[in-house]
Amino acid sequence: MRPYRDVHQADVLVFGAGPAGIAAAVAAARRRQTVRLIELQSVVGGVMSCCPGMMLGSGYPCGTSVGGFFEEFVGRLFDHDPPLAERRACDLENFGDEVVYDHEYALSLLYDMLREAGVEVLANHLPCRVEVTGDEIVHVDVATTRGVEPFSAGVYVDCTGNGDIAAAAGVPSQMGDDEGRMMGATLTFFMLGVDWDRAFPPGFDPYFTQYAERGIAAGRLPRTMPQIYLLKGFREGTVFFNTVTVTGVDGTDPRSVAKGAQVARRYVMQLARFCREEMPGFEHSHVADIGPSLGVRETRRPEGLYRLTAADITAATKFEDGVVACDSPLDEVFRDDSSSVYSHEAALPKGEYYTIPFRTLVPRKIKNLLFAGRARSVDLKAYASGRGMPQCMVMGQSAGVGAAMANEERCTVQQIDRARLVRELVREGVNGIGGGRL
């Protein structure tokens, strides 16, 4: 075997360039840390790139922005001349407002924010081995087409969504329900050239249930599609579909994801043809921007210092170390083909919210690792809330600030002064935490 090249050093290594990872990298770099952001795909954005145009939902608990990185990001889109995003009420109950945007400009803005902060972005880099000595990560081997090289840092931040770094470092985790079933994965797409007035008449059913039933009865749609969820895109005449869902996909297994994507793409074309031929306003439309990969909702739930529970959510618990506010429903997507209905159960009393504690992002033992975003320490039911991109952004921001603090204070991540961390996040514009109310 060829010997290693020199170890690539950084103060903070962030793995996964989705909403959480980008926010973590920018937050750490703004605190004068040298930051490398490692992404296995060829483009940053995470769900924003694998599901182009996916709405930024649940960013306005109780009608107020979660603030922080999310508010800065969407604010720059809103303030562009002409505006590149719009805040709208979600058609689905219990979700509040969401942000629709021009996804190409939004991805470019994310690149701009990383460049401005001085983050080194390393795309097409695949973490393949985590070296741990005692309770500390020593380095992470990363593969590219040029070979395998080690990367080392003071603190490592796992924003991979699947918790890959945490798992490889030995952090215990859970996956799925008692039978190991995980929520279905979705392949999103747009249709262009839609007549909005005819497609979305007053009082329309956001799930277009009657059309779905007709398509299934005629054998034109799969029986796993009793609802057709679609909504207006940012540009006139565009419609975003968050409909085609495939069960039995293990998001940690590339072969499983690839197989699911093949099935889903076939369903996309079936649905698009059905819409053109049967649904008003779609007669002259065509498909565009099919996601390059499946949007995976659920994989590992790593074990942290604290596990957020559904009871914490329904009690509207506001933790002393809460880092982001949330009032999103328990957004459950079916786990097998016996039930193909989405559930958006209200989790909180009207006008209330809870906060996600920083301890859910801190492992019990590994001294120099944090995780943020979809992979966090929660029970199965709580996992269905708080996984929206705005929450992931602010969770990532808190992990980035925490990583910088651990390096500055020369302490383990378990020893981070959480009260000081919350004060720093409030100073950075995060709302509804640190004793403040939304």
Protein backbone atom coordinates (compact mmCIF):
# COMPACT_ATOMS: atom_id res chain seq x y z
CA MET A 1 0.00 0.00 0.00
CA ARG A 2 1.28 3.46 -0.86
CA PRO A 3 2.17 5.44 2.29
CA TYR A 4 0.05 8.40 3.31
CA ARG A 5 0.85 11.83 2.08
CA ASP A 6 1.14 14.56 4.69
CA VAL A 7 -1.86 14.87 6.98
CA HIS A 8 -4.14 17.75 5.97
CA GLN A 9 -4.70 19.88 9.08
CA ALA A 10 -7.55 22.22 10.01
CA ASP A 11 -9.00 23.67 13.17
CA VAL A 12 -12.45 22.34 12.24
CA LEU A 13 -13.41 19.65 9.74
CA VAL A 14 -17.05 19.60 8.70
CA PHE A 15 -18.40 16.58 6.86
CA GLY A 16 -21.49 17.06 4.70
CA ALA A 17 -22.18 20.27 2.78
CA GLY A 18 -25.93 20.39 3.29
CA PRO A 19 -27.76 23.19 5.12
CA ALA A 20 -26.36 22.12 8.51
CA GLY A 21 -22.81 21.59 7.29
CA ILE A 22 -22.60 24.86 5.37
CA ALA A 23 -23.89 26.80 8.38
CA ALA A 24 -21.44 24.98 10.68
CA ALA A 25 -18.50 25.70 8.40
CA VAL A 26 -19.38 29.38 7.97
CA ALA A 27 -20.00 29.87 11.71
CA ALA A 28 -16.66 28.32 12.66
CA ALA A 29 -14.73 30.20 9.98
CA ARG A 30 -16.20 33.50 11.12
CA ARG A 31 -14.62 32.81 14.50
CA ARG A 32 -11.17 32.73 12.87
CA GLN A 33 -10.97 28.96 12.60
CA THR A 34 -9.39 27.29 9.59
CA VAL A 35 -12.23 25.19 8.21
CA ARG A 36 -12.41 22.48 5.58
CA LEU A 37 -15.83 21.34 4.37
CA ILE A 38 -15.81 17.80 2.97
CA GLU A 39 -18.62 16.67 0.67
CA LEU A 40 -18.93 13.37 -1.18
CA GLN A 41 -21.16 14.84 -3.91
CA SER A 42 -19.93 17.17 -6.64
CA VAL A 43 -22.06 20.10 -5.44
CA VAL A 44 -22.94 21.64 -2.09
CA GLY A 45 -26.48 22.08 -0.81
CA GLY A 46 -27.50 18.64 0.47
CA VAL A 47 -31.27 18.37 0.14
CA MET A 48 -31.27 21.73 -1.67
CA SER A 49 -29.28 20.15 -4.50
CA CYS A 50 -30.62 16.56 -4.45
CA CYS A 51 -34.20 17.90 -4.26
CA PRO A 52 -33.88 21.18 -6.23
CA GLY A 53 -36.43 23.75 -5.13
CA MET A 54 -37.42 21.97 -1.90
CA MET A 55 -39.17 24.62 0.17
CA LEU A 56 -37.57 25.93 3.35
CA GLY A 57 -40.31 24.92 5.75
CA SER A 58 -40.83 25.47 9.48
CA GLY A 59 -38.51 28.46 9.58
CA TYR A 60 -41.12 30.70 11.23
CA PRO A 61 -42.30 29.11 14.51
CA CYS A 62 -45.19 31.12 15.93
CA GLY A 63 -44.81 33.42 12.92
CA THR A 64 -41.26 34.53 13.83
CA SER A 65 -38.05 33.59 12.04
CA VAL A 66 -35.69 31.19 13.82
CA GLY A 67 -33.06 33.78 12.93
CA GLY A 68 -29.34 33.16 12.70
CA PHE A 69 -27.89 31.67 9.54
CA PHE A 70 -31.34 30.94 8.13
CA GLU A 71 -32.45 34.56 8.41
CA GLU A 72 -29.20 35.81 6.89
CA PHE A 73 -29.47 33.38 3.98
CA VAL A 74 -33.12 34.05 3.08
CA GLY A 75 -32.67 37.76 3.80
CA ARG A 76 -30.06 37.98 1.08
CA LEU A 77 -32.44 36.23 -1.32
CA PHE A 78 -35.32 38.53 -0.35
CA ASP A 79 -33.17 41.66 -0.71
CA HIS A 80 -31.81 40.77 -4.15
CA ASP A 81 -33.01 43.02 -7.00
CA PRO A 82 -35.23 41.43 -8.19
CA PRO A 83 -36.08 39.22 -5.19
CA LEU A 84 -35.03 35.57 -5.49
CA ALA A 85 -37.29 34.18 -2.78
CA GLU A 86 -40.72 34.68 -1.29
CA ARG A 87 -42.28 33.85 2.08
CA ARG A 88 -45.62 32.09 1.65
CA ALA A 89 -48.16 30.27 3.79
CA CYS A 90 -47.85 26.50 3.39
CA ASP A 91 -50.93 24.82 1.90
CA LEU A 92 -50.65 22.01 4.47
CA GLU A 93 -52.01 22.40 7.97
CA ASN A 94 -49.70 22.89 10.97
CA PHE A 95 -46.68 24.02 8.95
CA GLY A 96 -47.00 27.81 8.99
CA ASP A 97 -45.00 29.83 6.50
CA GLU A 98 -42.28 28.54 4.21
CA VAL A 99 -39.79 30.07 1.80
CA VAL A 100 -39.87 29.33 -1.93
CA TYR A 101 -36.86 30.43 -3.95
CA ASP A 102 -34.94 30.19 -7.19
CA HIS A 103 -32.82 27.14 -6.45
CA GLU A 104 -29.94 27.91 -8.82
CA TYR A 105 -29.42 31.36 -7.34
CA ALA A 106 -29.82 29.95 -3.83
CA LEU A 107 -27.04 27.40 -4.38
CA SER A 108 -24.80 30.12 -5.81
CA LEU A 109 -25.45 32.20 -2.69
CA LEU A 110 -24.38 29.30 -0.48
CA TYR A 111 -21.10 29.12 -2.42
CA ASP A 112 -20.71 32.88 -1.95
CA MET A 113 -21.20 32.64 1.80
CA LEU A 114 -18.63 29.85 2.07
CA ARG A 115 -16.12 31.81 0.00
CA GLU A 116 -16.68 35.01 1.97
CA ALA A 117 -16.07 33.16 5.24
CA GLY A 118 -12.86 31.58 3.93
CA VAL A 119 -14.05 27.96 4.03
CA GLU A 120 -12.16 25.50 1.85
CA VAL A 121 -14.77 23.37 0.06
CA LEU A 122 -13.62 19.87 -0.91
CA ALA A 123 -16.25 18.25 -3.14
CA ASN A 124 -16.03 14.68 -4.44
CA HIS A 125 -14.29 13.64 -1.22
CA LEU A 126 -15.51 10.43 0.44
CA PRO A 127 -14.71 9.77 4.12
CA CYS A 128 -13.78 6.09 4.28
CA ARG A 129 -12.18 5.47 7.68
CA VAL A 130 -12.17 7.20 11.07
CA GLU A 131 -9.15 6.60 13.28
CA VAL A 132 -10.00 6.81 16.98
CA THR A 133 -7.57 6.55 19.87
CA GLY A 134 -9.14 6.34 23.29
CA ASP A 135 -12.16 8.62 23.06
CA GLU A 136 -10.73 11.00 20.49
CA ILE A 137 -10.70 11.11 16.70
CA VAL A 138 -7.09 11.26 15.47
CA HIS A 139 -7.77 11.61 11.75
CA VAL A 140 -10.25 10.72 9.03
CA ASP A 141 -9.14 9.02 5.84
CA VAL A 142 -10.76 10.59 2.79
CA ALA A 143 -10.80 9.01 -0.67
CA THR A 144 -10.73 10.83 -3.99
CA THR A 145 -9.84 9.76 -7.53
CA ARG A 146 -6.24 10.58 -6.58
CA GLY A 147 -6.10 8.16 -3.67
CA VAL A 148 -6.69 8.19 0.08
CA GLU A 149 -5.40 10.98 2.31
CA PRO A 150 -5.76 11.66 6.05
CA PHE A 151 -7.41 14.80 7.40
CA SER A 152 -7.00 15.94 10.99
CA ALA A 153 -8.64 18.67 13.07
CA GLY A 154 -9.17 19.94 16.57
CA VAL A 155 -12.92 19.29 16.26
CA TYR A 156 -14.88 17.24 13.75
CA VAL A 157 -18.49 18.10 12.88
CA ASP A 158 -20.68 15.38 11.34
CA CYS A 159 -23.39 16.91 9.16
CA THR A 160 -23.60 13.97 6.78
CA GLY A 161 -27.29 13.41 7.49
CA ASN A 162 -26.65 9.71 7.95
CA GLY A 163 -24.30 10.24 10.89
CA ASP A 164 -21.53 8.45 8.99
CA ILE A 165 -18.61 9.95 10.92
CA ALA A 166 -20.27 9.40 14.29
CA ALA A 167 -21.02 5.77 13.42
CA ALA A 168 -17.49 5.12 12.20
CA ALA A 169 -16.14 6.68 15.41
CA GLY A 170 -18.17 4.19 17.46
CA VAL A 171 -21.06 6.41 18.56
CA PRO A 172 -24.08 4.16 19.21
CA SER A 173 -27.15 4.89 17.11
CA GLN A 174 -30.62 3.67 16.25
CA MET A 175 -32.25 3.33 12.85
CA GLY A 176 -35.94 3.22 12.04
CA ASP A 177 -38.77 1.83 14.11
CA ASP A 178 -38.79 -1.42 16.11
CA GLU A 179 -38.72 -3.34 12.83
CA GLY A 180 -35.98 -1.17 11.32
CA ARG A 181 -38.35 0.51 8.86
CA MET A 182 -37.47 4.07 7.92
CA MET A 183 -39.61 6.78 6.38
CA GLY A 184 -39.93 6.63 2.62
CA ALA A 185 -37.45 8.46 0.39
CA THR A 186 -38.71 10.92 -2.22
CA LEU A 187 -37.63 11.93 -5.71
CA THR A 188 -38.76 15.49 -6.37
CA PHE A 189 -39.26 17.24 -9.70
CA PHE A 190 -40.74 20.32 -11.35
CA MET A 191 -43.21 20.74 -14.16
CA LEU A 192 -42.89 23.91 -16.24
CA GLY A 193 -45.49 25.69 -18.33
CA VAL A 194 -48.40 25.11 -15.94
CA ASP A 195 -51.42 27.41 -15.94
CA TRP A 196 -51.54 28.28 -12.23
CA ASP A 197 -55.08 29.69 -12.32
CA ARG A 198 -56.52 26.45 -13.63
CA ALA A 199 -54.23 24.10 -11.69
CA PHE A 200 -54.85 25.81 -8.34
CA PRO A 201 -58.47 27.01 -8.27
CA PRO A 202 -59.90 28.55 -5.07
CA GLY A 203 -60.35 25.95 -2.34
CA PHE A 204 -58.30 23.28 -4.13
CA ASP A 205 -57.30 20.09 -2.32
CA PRO A 206 -53.52 20.34 -1.70
CA TYR A 207 -53.26 16.57 -2.18
CA PHE A 208 -55.44 16.36 -5.33
CA THR A 209 -56.88 13.16 -3.84
CA GLN A 210 -59.67 12.65 -6.39
CA TYR A 211 -57.18 12.70 -9.26
CA ALA A 212 -54.86 10.31 -7.43
CA GLU A 213 -57.71 7.86 -6.80
CA ARG A 214 -58.73 8.06 -10.47
CA GLY A 215 -55.15 7.38 -11.60
CA ILE A 216 -54.77 4.37 -9.31
CA ALA A 217 -58.14 2.92 -10.35
CA ALA A 218 -57.12 3.18 -14.00
CA GLY A 219 -53.74 1.57 -13.33
CA ARG A 220 -51.94 4.72 -14.41
CA LEU A 221 -50.46 5.56 -11.01
CA PRO A 222 -48.92 3.20 -8.45
CA ARG A 223 -51.12 2.33 -5.49
CA THR A 224 -48.55 3.95 -3.22
CA MET A 225 -49.64 7.35 -4.58
CA PRO A 226 -53.11 8.02 -3.09
CA GLN A 227 -52.10 11.67 -2.71
CA ILE A 228 -50.45 14.02 -5.19
CA TYR A 229 -48.68 16.76 -3.28
CA LEU A 230 -47.66 19.65 -5.49
CA LEU A 231 -47.37 23.39 -5.04
CA LYS A 232 -46.48 26.53 -6.90
CA GLY A 233 -42.78 27.06 -7.48
CA PHE A 234 -41.03 30.40 -7.23
CA ARG A 235 -41.24 31.20 -10.96
CA GLU A 236 -44.59 31.74 -12.69
CA GLY A 237 -45.87 28.55 -14.27
CA THR A 238 -43.59 26.22 -12.30
CA VAL A 239 -44.98 23.49 -10.05
CA PHE A 240 -42.92 21.54 -7.52
CA PHE A 241 -43.82 17.90 -6.81
CA ASN A 242 -42.96 16.32 -3.47
CA THR A 243 -44.99 13.23 -4.24
CA VAL A 244 -43.04 10.26 -5.54
CA THR A 245 -42.05 8.27 -2.46
CA VAL A 246 -40.36 4.86 -2.36
CA THR A 247 -40.31 2.67 0.75
CA GLY A 248 -37.77 0.06 1.79
CA VAL A 249 -34.81 2.31 1.01
CA ASP A 250 -31.83 2.19 3.38
CA GLY A 251 -30.23 5.62 3.02
CA THR A 252 -26.92 4.30 4.39
CA ASP A 253 -26.65 1.74 1.56
CA PRO A 254 -25.73 3.24 -1.84
CA ARG A 255 -27.09 0.21 -3.69
CA SER A 256 -30.43 0.51 -1.94
CA VAL A 257 -30.59 4.23 -2.76
CA ALA A 258 -29.71 3.60 -6.41
CA LYS A 259 -32.35 0.88 -6.74
CA GLY A 260 -34.98 3.10 -5.13
CA ALA A 261 -34.07 5.97 -7.45
CA GLN A 262 -34.67 3.81 -10.53
CA VAL A 263 -38.16 2.92 -9.32
CA ALA A 264 -38.88 6.52 -8.37
CA ARG A 265 -37.81 7.91 -11.73
CA ARG A 266 -40.22 5.58 -13.48
CA TYR A 267 -43.00 6.83 -11.19
CA VAL A 268 -42.06 10.45 -11.97
CA MET A 269 -42.62 9.96 -15.66
CA GLN A 270 -45.90 8.11 -15.05
CA LEU A 271 -47.16 10.93 -12.84
CA ALA A 272 -46.05 13.66 -15.24
CA ARG A 273 -47.87 12.03 -18.11
CA PHE A 274 -50.99 11.59 -15.99
CA CYS A 275 -50.93 15.27 -14.97
CA ARG A 276 -50.60 16.44 -18.59
CA GLU A 277 -53.47 14.26 -19.76
CA GLU A 278 -55.89 14.45 -16.82
CA MET A 279 -55.33 17.55 -14.66
CA PRO A 280 -56.45 21.06 -15.66
CA GLY A 281 -53.64 23.53 -16.31
CA PHE A 282 -51.01 20.89 -17.08
CA GLU A 283 -51.90 20.31 -20.75
CA HIS A 284 -48.84 22.13 -22.12
CA SER A 285 -46.40 21.44 -19.28
CA HIS A 286 -43.22 19.39 -19.24
CA VAL A 287 -40.89 17.82 -16.69
CA ALA A 288 -37.75 19.59 -15.47
CA ASP A 289 -35.25 19.44 -12.61
CA ILE A 290 -35.78 15.87 -11.51
CA GLY A 291 -33.67 15.42 -8.40
CA PRO A 292 -30.27 13.87 -9.15
CA SER A 293 -30.77 11.54 -6.18
CA LEU A 294 -33.43 10.46 -3.73
CA GLY A 295 -34.22 12.74 -0.81
CA VAL A 296 -33.61 10.51 2.22
CA ARG A 297 -35.60 11.50 5.30
CA GLU A 298 -34.42 9.07 7.94
CA THR A 299 -31.39 7.00 8.84
CA ARG A 300 -29.28 7.01 12.01
CA ARG A 301 -30.19 8.68 15.29
CA PRO A 302 -26.86 8.90 17.16
CA GLU A 303 -26.76 8.81 20.95
CA GLY A 304 -26.03 12.16 22.55
CA LEU A 305 -25.73 13.62 26.03
CA TYR A 306 -29.51 14.04 25.92
CA ARG A 307 -32.21 12.38 23.86
CA LEU A 308 -35.05 14.69 22.86
CA THR A 309 -38.41 12.95 23.26
CA ALA A 310 -41.90 13.44 21.91
CA ALA A 311 -42.95 14.27 25.48
CA ASP A 312 -40.44 17.15 25.51
CA ILE A 313 -42.02 18.48 22.34
CA THR A 314 -45.65 18.24 23.41
CA ALA A 315 -44.70 19.96 26.69
CA ALA A 316 -43.23 22.87 24.67
CA THR A 317 -39.98 22.46 26.61
CA LYS A 318 -37.54 25.32 26.27
CA PHE A 319 -34.19 23.98 27.37
CA GLU A 320 -31.50 26.10 28.98
CA ASP A 321 -29.15 24.93 26.25
CA GLY A 322 -31.77 25.22 23.48
CA VAL A 323 -30.15 26.36 20.24
CA VAL A 324 -33.09 26.60 17.81
CA ALA A 325 -36.83 27.13 18.16
CA CYS A 326 -39.29 24.81 16.45
CA ASP A 327 -43.06 24.35 16.24
CA SER A 328 -43.18 21.98 13.28
CA PRO A 329 -45.64 19.07 13.39
CA LEU A 330 -44.76 15.41 13.66
CA ASP A 331 -44.18 15.08 9.93
CA GLU A 332 -44.43 11.33 9.38
CA VAL A 333 -43.99 9.78 5.96
CA PHE A 334 -45.14 6.19 5.51
CA ARG A 335 -42.59 3.45 6.21
CA ASP A 336 -44.09 0.66 4.11
CA ASP A 337 -46.67 0.21 1.38
CA SER A 338 -49.47 -0.70 3.79
CA SER A 339 -50.04 3.01 4.40
CA SER A 340 -49.22 5.62 1.78
CA VAL A 341 -50.59 8.68 3.55
CA TYR A 342 -48.54 11.55 4.93
CA SER A 343 -49.25 12.60 8.52
CA HIS A 344 -48.72 16.13 9.84
CA GLU A 345 -49.89 15.74 13.42
CA ALA A 346 -49.81 18.92 15.50
CA ALA A 347 -47.30 18.37 18.29
CA LEU A 348 -47.82 21.54 20.30
CA PRO A 349 -50.57 23.78 21.62
CA LYS A 350 -51.33 26.65 19.24
CA GLY A 351 -48.90 29.54 19.73
CA GLU A 352 -46.25 27.40 21.43
CA TYR A 353 -42.84 26.07 20.44
CA TYR A 354 -40.01 24.02 21.87
CA THR A 355 -36.24 24.29 21.54
CA ILE A 356 -33.70 21.69 20.45
CA PRO A 357 -31.01 21.34 23.14
CA PHE A 358 -27.33 21.50 22.21
CA ARG A 359 -26.78 18.30 24.20
CA THR A 360 -28.59 16.38 21.44
CA LEU A 361 -25.64 17.29 19.17
CA VAL A 362 -22.92 16.10 21.57
CA PRO A 363 -21.88 12.43 21.87
CA ARG A 364 -21.37 10.94 25.30
CA LYS A 365 -17.76 9.86 24.85
CA ILE A 366 -15.97 11.09 21.72
CA LYS A 367 -14.22 14.23 22.93
CA ASN A 368 -13.80 16.11 19.66
CA LEU A 369 -16.93 15.31 17.65
CA LEU A 370 -20.25 17.11 17.21
CA PHE A 371 -23.15 16.24 14.93
CA ALA A 372 -25.94 18.41 13.57
CA GLY A 373 -28.85 18.35 11.17
CA ARG A 374 -30.88 15.27 10.38
CA ALA A 375 -28.61 13.05 12.51
CA ARG A 376 -29.22 14.05 16.11
CA SER A 377 -30.12 12.44 19.43
CA VAL A 378 -33.93 12.05 19.45
CA ASP A 379 -36.49 9.31 19.94
CA LEU A 380 -38.38 7.94 16.95
CA LYS A 381 -41.43 10.20 17.28
CA ALA A 382 -39.42 13.35 17.99
CA TYR A 383 -37.36 12.63 14.87
CA ALA A 384 -40.42 13.50 12.79
CA SER A 385 -40.24 17.12 14.01
CA GLY A 386 -37.36 19.56 13.77
CA ARG A 387 -35.69 18.15 10.66
CA GLY A 388 -36.60 21.09 8.40
CA MET A 389 -33.78 22.91 6.64
CA PRO A 390 -34.13 26.11 8.73
CA GLN A 391 -33.70 24.12 11.96
CA CYS A 392 -30.79 22.21 10.43
CA MET A 393 -29.11 25.47 9.48
CA VAL A 394 -29.27 26.84 13.00
CA MET A 395 -28.27 23.50 14.53
CA GLY A 396 -25.26 23.57 12.21
CA GLN A 397 -24.51 27.15 13.23
CA SER A 398 -24.52 26.12 16.90
CA ALA A 399 -22.18 23.20 16.15
CA GLY A 400 -19.81 25.52 14.29
CA VAL A 401 -19.75 28.02 17.14
CA GLY A 402 -19.36 25.17 19.65
CA ALA A 403 -16.46 23.67 17.70
CA ALA A 404 -14.67 27.02 17.68
CA MET A 405 -15.27 27.46 21.41
CA ALA A 406 -13.85 24.00 22.16
CA ASN A 407 -10.71 24.87 20.22
CA GLU A 408 -10.43 28.30 21.83
CA GLU A 409 -10.86 26.95 25.36
CA ARG A 410 -8.90 23.75 24.71
CA CYS A 411 -11.74 21.71 26.13
CA THR A 412 -13.70 18.67 25.04
CA VAL A 413 -17.03 19.14 23.33
CA GLN A 414 -18.72 17.79 26.47
CA GLN A 415 -17.12 20.62 28.46
CA ILE A 416 -18.30 23.44 26.19
CA ASP A 417 -19.85 26.23 28.24
CA ARG A 418 -23.38 25.82 26.95
CA ALA A 419 -24.67 28.99 28.61
CA ARG A 420 -21.98 30.99 26.81
CA LEU A 421 -22.77 29.18 23.57
CA VAL A 422 -26.43 30.20 23.81
CA ARG A 423 -25.41 33.81 24.51
CA GLU A 424 -23.19 33.76 21.40
CA LEU A 425 -26.04 32.43 19.27
CA VAL A 426 -28.39 35.13 20.58
CA ARG A 427 -25.71 37.68 19.68
CA GLU A 428 -25.66 36.17 16.17
CA GLY A 429 -29.40 36.72 15.83
CA VAL A 430 -30.88 33.33 16.76
CA ASN A 431 -34.40 33.89 18.08
CA GLY A 432 -36.43 32.24 20.84
CA ILE A 433 -33.53 30.86 22.89
CA GLY A 434 -31.57 32.00 25.95
CA GLY A 435 -34.63 33.15 27.90
CA GLY A 436 -36.01 35.19 25.00
CA ARG A 437 -39.44 34.40 23.57
CA LEU A 438 -40.51 34.44 19.96
